Amino acid sequence: MAQTHYEITYIIKPDISEEDKKALVERFDKIIKDNNAEVVDSKDWQKRRLAYGINGYNEGTYHIINVQAADQTAVNEFDRLSKIDDSVLRHMIIKRED
């Protein structure tokens, strides 16, 4: 079955500790892996000022994950859980045409 490439970008609250941020990133990477997808790359982009305030925050840490998956199960689960987690301000999932 053909693999589909996805790019997931999410913004993490700037006021959480480094240990909590690392645990959050590991947890979301594990969600992808546990749903039969491969994490090709997972890295912090940078802390940036937001164009508009989100929940009282004017900046956040952007994190990018590149994923290969046979179906949408992993990205759907990421989408569902990131909406629940208060440490994730926003997220975006893009299907890449490679």
C-alpha atoms as a PDB file:
ATOM      1  CA  MET A   1       0.000   0.000   0.000  1.00  0.00           C
ATOM      2  CA  ALA A   2       1.282   3.481  -0.858  1.00  0.00           C
ATOM      3  CA  GLN A   3       2.528   5.691   1.941  1.00  0.00           C
ATOM      4  CA  THR A   4       1.098   9.174   2.329  1.00  0.00           C
ATOM      5  CA  HIS A   5       3.308  11.967   3.623  1.00  0.00           C
ATOM      6  CA  TYR A   6       1.963  14.414   6.199  1.00  0.00           C
ATOM      7  CA  GLU A   7       3.447  17.460   7.862  1.00  0.00           C
ATOM      8  CA  ILE A   8       2.074  18.293  11.297  1.00  0.00           C
ATOM      9  CA  THR A   9       2.867  21.674  12.827  1.00  0.00           C
ATOM     10  CA  TYR A  10       1.744  22.507  16.321  1.00  0.00           C
ATOM     11  CA  ILE A  11       2.298  25.438  18.671  1.00  0.00           C
ATOM     12  CA  ILE A  12       3.244  24.660  22.272  1.00  0.00           C
ATOM     13  CA  LYS A  13       2.557  27.092  25.121  1.00  0.00           C
ATOM     14  CA  PRO A  14       5.716  29.108  25.866  1.00  0.00           C
ATOM     15  CA  ASP A  15       5.443  28.908  29.662  1.00  0.00           C
ATOM     16  CA  ILE A  16       5.807  25.152  30.145  1.00  0.00           C
ATOM     17  CA  SER A  17       9.133  23.795  31.389  1.00  0.00           C
ATOM     18  CA  GLU A  18      11.657  22.127  29.080  1.00  0.00           C
ATOM     19  CA  GLU A  19      10.989  18.745  30.729  1.00  0.00           C
ATOM     20  CA  ASP A  20       7.226  19.100  30.218  1.00  0.00           C
ATOM     21  CA  LYS A  21       7.723  20.187  26.610  1.00  0.00           C
ATOM     22  CA  LYS A  22      10.000  17.209  25.947  1.00  0.00           C
ATOM     23  CA  ALA A  23       7.420  14.844  27.509  1.00  0.00           C
ATOM     24  CA  LEU A  24       4.647  16.426  25.399  1.00  0.00           C
ATOM     25  CA  VAL A  25       6.635  16.006  22.164  1.00  0.00           C
ATOM     26  CA  GLU A  26       7.507  12.395  23.031  1.00  0.00           C
ATOM     27  CA  ARG A  27       3.866  11.654  23.840  1.00  0.00           C
ATOM     28  CA  PHE A  28       2.611  13.001  20.507  1.00  0.00           C
ATOM     29  CA  ASP A  29       5.392  11.210  18.582  1.00  0.00           C
ATOM     30  CA  LYS A  30       4.352   7.996  20.352  1.00  0.00           C
ATOM     31  CA  ILE A  31       0.709   8.554  19.356  1.00  0.00           C
ATOM     32  CA  ILE A  32       1.812   8.651  15.714  1.00  0.00           C
ATOM     33  CA  LYS A  33       3.976   5.514  16.074  1.00  0.00           C
ATOM     34  CA  ASP A  34       1.323   3.580  18.014  1.00  0.00           C
ATOM     35  CA  ASN A  35      -1.139   4.095  15.154  1.00  0.00           C
ATOM     36  CA  ASN A  36       1.044   2.388  12.524  1.00  0.00           C
ATOM     37  CA  ALA A  37       2.723   5.463  11.086  1.00  0.00           C
ATOM     38  CA  GLU A  38       6.392   6.399  10.865  1.00  0.00           C
ATOM     39  CA  VAL A  39       7.817   9.610  12.309  1.00  0.00           C
ATOM     40  CA  VAL A  40      10.382  10.643   9.700  1.00  0.00           C
ATOM     41  CA  ASP A  41      11.422  13.817  11.509  1.00  0.00           C
ATOM     42  CA  SER A  42      10.315  15.576  14.707  1.00  0.00           C
ATOM     43  CA  LYS A  43      11.934  18.858  15.664  1.00  0.00           C
ATOM     44  CA  ASP A  44      11.358  22.248  17.235  1.00  0.00           C
ATOM     45  CA  TRP A  45      11.299  24.988  14.669  1.00  0.00           C
ATOM     46  CA  GLN A  46      11.594  28.016  16.927  1.00  0.00           C
ATOM     47  CA  LYS A  47       9.823  30.184  19.464  1.00  0.00           C
ATOM     48  CA  ARG A  48       7.939  32.849  17.533  1.00  0.00           C
ATOM     49  CA  ARG A  49       5.647  35.749  18.181  1.00  0.00           C
ATOM     50  CA  LEU A  50       2.077  34.913  17.143  1.00  0.00           C
ATOM     51  CA  ALA A  51       0.197  37.088  14.652  1.00  0.00           C
ATOM     52  CA  TYR A  52      -2.646  37.305  17.168  1.00  0.00           C
ATOM     53  CA  GLY A  53      -3.066  36.264  20.774  1.00  0.00           C
ATOM     54  CA  ILE A  54      -4.262  32.721  21.490  1.00  0.00           C
ATOM     55  CA  ASN A  55      -5.679  32.089  24.968  1.00  0.00           C
ATOM     56  CA  GLY A  56      -3.728  35.080  26.304  1.00  0.00           C
ATOM     57  CA  TYR A  57      -0.382  34.015  24.762  1.00  0.00           C
ATOM     58  CA  ASN A  58       1.483  36.227  22.286  1.00  0.00           C
ATOM     59  CA  GLU A  59       4.203  33.700  21.449  1.00  0.00           C
ATOM     60  CA  GLY A  60       4.663  29.952  21.242  1.00  0.00           C
ATOM     61  CA  THR A  61       7.145  27.220  20.332  1.00  0.00           C
ATOM     62  CA  TYR A  62       6.498  25.743  16.903  1.00  0.00           C
ATOM     63  CA  HIS A  63       7.151  22.005  16.535  1.00  0.00           C
ATOM     64  CA  ILE A  64       7.100  20.148  13.192  1.00  0.00           C
ATOM     65  CA  ILE A  65       6.615  16.408  12.596  1.00  0.00           C
ATOM     66  CA  ASN A  66       7.003  14.733   9.196  1.00  0.00           C
ATOM     67  CA  VAL A  67       4.980  11.510   9.033  1.00  0.00           C
ATOM     68  CA  GLN A  68       4.569   8.627   6.597  1.00  0.00           C
ATOM     69  CA  ALA A  69       1.362   6.649   6.988  1.00  0.00           C
ATOM     70  CA  ALA A  70      -0.624   4.073   5.032  1.00  0.00           C
ATOM     71  CA  ASP A  71      -3.931   5.572   6.203  1.00  0.00           C
ATOM     72  CA  GLN A  72      -5.236   8.533   8.205  1.00  0.00           C
ATOM     73  CA  THR A  73      -5.629   6.746  11.545  1.00  0.00           C
ATOM     74  CA  ALA A  74      -2.495   8.260  13.096  1.00  0.00           C
ATOM     75  CA  VAL A  75      -3.148  11.835  11.985  1.00  0.00           C
ATOM     76  CA  ASN A  76      -6.808  11.598  13.012  1.00  0.00           C
ATOM     77  CA  GLU A  77      -5.780  10.447  16.496  1.00  0.00           C
ATOM     78  CA  PHE A  78      -3.178  13.232  16.713  1.00  0.00           C
ATOM     79  CA  ASP A  79      -5.852  15.743  15.676  1.00  0.00           C
ATOM     80  CA  ARG A  80      -8.307  14.462  18.296  1.00  0.00           C
ATOM     81  CA  LEU A  81      -5.820  14.433  21.180  1.00  0.00           C
ATOM     82  CA  SER A  82      -4.155  17.759  20.360  1.00  0.00           C
ATOM     83  CA  LYS A  83      -7.562  19.466  20.571  1.00  0.00           C
ATOM     84  CA  ILE A  84      -7.912  18.165  24.138  1.00  0.00           C
ATOM     85  CA  ASP A  85      -4.395  19.022  25.380  1.00  0.00           C
ATOM     86  CA  ASP A  86      -4.169  22.500  26.951  1.00  0.00           C
ATOM     87  CA  SER A  87      -0.425  22.739  26.208  1.00  0.00           C
ATOM     88  CA  VAL A  88      -1.085  22.779  22.439  1.00  0.00           C
ATOM     89  CA  LEU A  89      -2.363  26.189  21.380  1.00  0.00           C
ATOM     90  CA  ARG A  90      -2.986  25.335  17.704  1.00  0.00           C
ATOM     91  CA  HIS A  91      -2.106  22.618  15.215  1.00  0.00           C
ATOM     92  CA  MET A  92      -2.216  22.098  11.476  1.00  0.00           C
ATOM     93  CA  ILE A  93      -1.973  18.869   9.465  1.00  0.00           C
ATOM     94  CA  ILE A  94      -1.005  19.051   5.795  1.00  0.00           C
ATOM     95  CA  LYS A  95      -1.010  16.183   3.318  1.00  0.00           C
ATOM     96  CA  ARG A  96       2.154  16.596   1.275  1.00  0.00           C
ATOM     97  CA  GLU A  97       2.414  15.811  -2.410  1.00  0.00           C
ATOM     98  CA  ASP A  98       5.921  14.343  -2.852  1.00  0.00           C
END
